[in-house]
Amino acid sequence: MDENGNILAQTVAQAVGDWMVDDFVPFKAELIFDATQSKKGEIIFEKDNPSGLSENDQSFRLPILFK
């Protein structure tokens, strides 16, 4: 997402190895997007929530700088 709130790319990450654990797991994903005029943005990681219950939603925002 750029600093103006525009979604530049969206994909699903795939776990690498055993994902049936309570701890963090390694994953891989590829994001392809066109260049942006923005200098800043963020990658938003959202945990899968098959229950659909909002109390189980979790996310993490990673600030990034575009070159």
C-alpha atoms as a PDB file:
ATOM      1  CA  MET A   1       0.000   0.000   0.000  1.00  0.00           C
ATOM      2  CA  ASP A   2       1.350   3.433  -0.797  1.00  0.00           C
ATOM      3  CA  GLU A   3       1.279   6.414   1.567  1.00  0.00           C
ATOM      4  CA  ASN A   4      -1.993   7.589  -0.007  1.00  0.00           C
ATOM      5  CA  GLY A   5      -3.801   4.359   0.891  1.00  0.00           C
ATOM      6  CA  ASN A   6      -3.727   2.900  -2.633  1.00  0.00           C
ATOM      7  CA  ILE A   7      -3.377  -0.883  -2.817  1.00  0.00           C
ATOM      8  CA  LEU A   8      -0.439  -1.590  -5.138  1.00  0.00           C
ATOM      9  CA  ALA A   9      -0.505  -5.388  -4.970  1.00  0.00           C
ATOM     10  CA  GLN A  10      -2.210  -8.171  -3.074  1.00  0.00           C
ATOM     11  CA  THR A  11      -1.396 -11.866  -2.824  1.00  0.00           C
ATOM     12  CA  VAL A  12      -1.608 -14.914  -0.579  1.00  0.00           C
ATOM     13  CA  ALA A  13       1.546 -16.073   1.200  1.00  0.00           C
ATOM     14  CA  GLN A  14       2.289 -19.782   1.347  1.00  0.00           C
ATOM     15  CA  ALA A  15       3.799 -21.437   4.421  1.00  0.00           C
ATOM     16  CA  VAL A  16       7.133 -23.147   3.852  1.00  0.00           C
ATOM     17  CA  GLY A  17       7.165 -26.336   5.891  1.00  0.00           C
ATOM     18  CA  ASP A  18       4.978 -27.261   8.855  1.00  0.00           C
ATOM     19  CA  TRP A  19       2.311 -24.618   9.556  1.00  0.00           C
ATOM     20  CA  MET A  20       0.412 -26.517  12.273  1.00  0.00           C
ATOM     21  CA  VAL A  21       2.311 -24.849  15.130  1.00  0.00           C
ATOM     22  CA  ASP A  22       1.562 -22.064  17.601  1.00  0.00           C
ATOM     23  CA  ASP A  23       4.686 -20.066  16.700  1.00  0.00           C
ATOM     24  CA  PHE A  24       5.665 -18.048  13.621  1.00  0.00           C
ATOM     25  CA  VAL A  25       6.381 -20.028  10.463  1.00  0.00           C
ATOM     26  CA  PRO A  26       8.470 -19.172   7.404  1.00  0.00           C
ATOM     27  CA  PHE A  27       6.489 -18.229   4.317  1.00  0.00           C
ATOM     28  CA  LYS A  28       6.967 -16.968   0.785  1.00  0.00           C
ATOM     29  CA  ALA A  29       5.012 -14.559  -1.394  1.00  0.00           C
ATOM     30  CA  GLU A  30       5.667 -12.482  -4.493  1.00  0.00           C
ATOM     31  CA  LEU A  31       4.324  -8.972  -4.998  1.00  0.00           C
ATOM     32  CA  ILE A  32       4.434  -7.454  -8.481  1.00  0.00           C
ATOM     33  CA  PHE A  33       3.306  -3.856  -8.941  1.00  0.00           C
ATOM     34  CA  ASP A  34       3.928  -0.779 -11.060  1.00  0.00           C
ATOM     35  CA  ALA A  35       6.199   1.979  -9.783  1.00  0.00           C
ATOM     36  CA  THR A  36       4.539   4.571  -7.583  1.00  0.00           C
ATOM     37  CA  GLN A  37       5.197   8.270  -7.073  1.00  0.00           C
ATOM     38  CA  SER A  38       4.974   7.727  -3.327  1.00  0.00           C
ATOM     39  CA  LYS A  39       8.140   7.678  -1.259  1.00  0.00           C
ATOM     40  CA  LYS A  40       6.640   5.665   1.606  1.00  0.00           C
ATOM     41  CA  GLY A  41       4.247   2.783   2.022  1.00  0.00           C
ATOM     42  CA  GLU A  42       3.649  -0.347   4.012  1.00  0.00           C
ATOM     43  CA  ILE A  43       3.205  -4.068   3.647  1.00  0.00           C
ATOM     44  CA  ILE A  44       0.215  -5.330   5.594  1.00  0.00           C
ATOM     45  CA  PHE A  45       0.305  -8.923   6.792  1.00  0.00           C
ATOM     46  CA  GLU A  46      -3.082 -10.359   7.743  1.00  0.00           C
ATOM     47  CA  LYS A  47      -3.434 -13.661   9.569  1.00  0.00           C
ATOM     48  CA  ASP A  48      -5.871 -16.126   8.048  1.00  0.00           C
ATOM     49  CA  ASN A  49      -9.121 -16.164  10.003  1.00  0.00           C
ATOM     50  CA  PRO A  50     -11.326 -19.040   8.830  1.00  0.00           C
ATOM     51  CA  SER A  51     -13.736 -18.449  11.731  1.00  0.00           C
ATOM     52  CA  GLY A  52     -14.812 -15.082  10.308  1.00  0.00           C
ATOM     53  CA  LEU A  53     -15.039 -13.722  13.854  1.00  0.00           C
ATOM     54  CA  SER A  54     -13.623 -10.197  14.128  1.00  0.00           C
ATOM     55  CA  GLU A  55     -12.066 -10.935  17.517  1.00  0.00           C
ATOM     56  CA  ASN A  56      -9.745 -13.428  15.753  1.00  0.00           C
ATOM     57  CA  ASP A  57      -8.496 -10.873  13.187  1.00  0.00           C
ATOM     58  CA  GLN A  58      -4.786 -10.100  13.444  1.00  0.00           C
ATOM     59  CA  SER A  59      -2.554  -7.974  11.250  1.00  0.00           C
ATOM     60  CA  PHE A  60       0.923  -6.446  11.209  1.00  0.00           C
ATOM     61  CA  ARG A  61       1.998  -3.332   9.263  1.00  0.00           C
ATOM     62  CA  LEU A  62       5.595  -3.097   8.036  1.00  0.00           C
ATOM     63  CA  PRO A  63       6.644   0.419   6.947  1.00  0.00           C
ATOM     64  CA  ILE A  64       8.681   0.545   3.709  1.00  0.00           C
ATOM     65  CA  LEU A  65      10.462   3.155   1.583  1.00  0.00           C
ATOM     66  CA  PHE A  66      10.248   3.116  -2.214  1.00  0.00           C
ATOM     67  CA  LYS A  67      13.323   3.947  -4.323  1.00  0.00           C
END
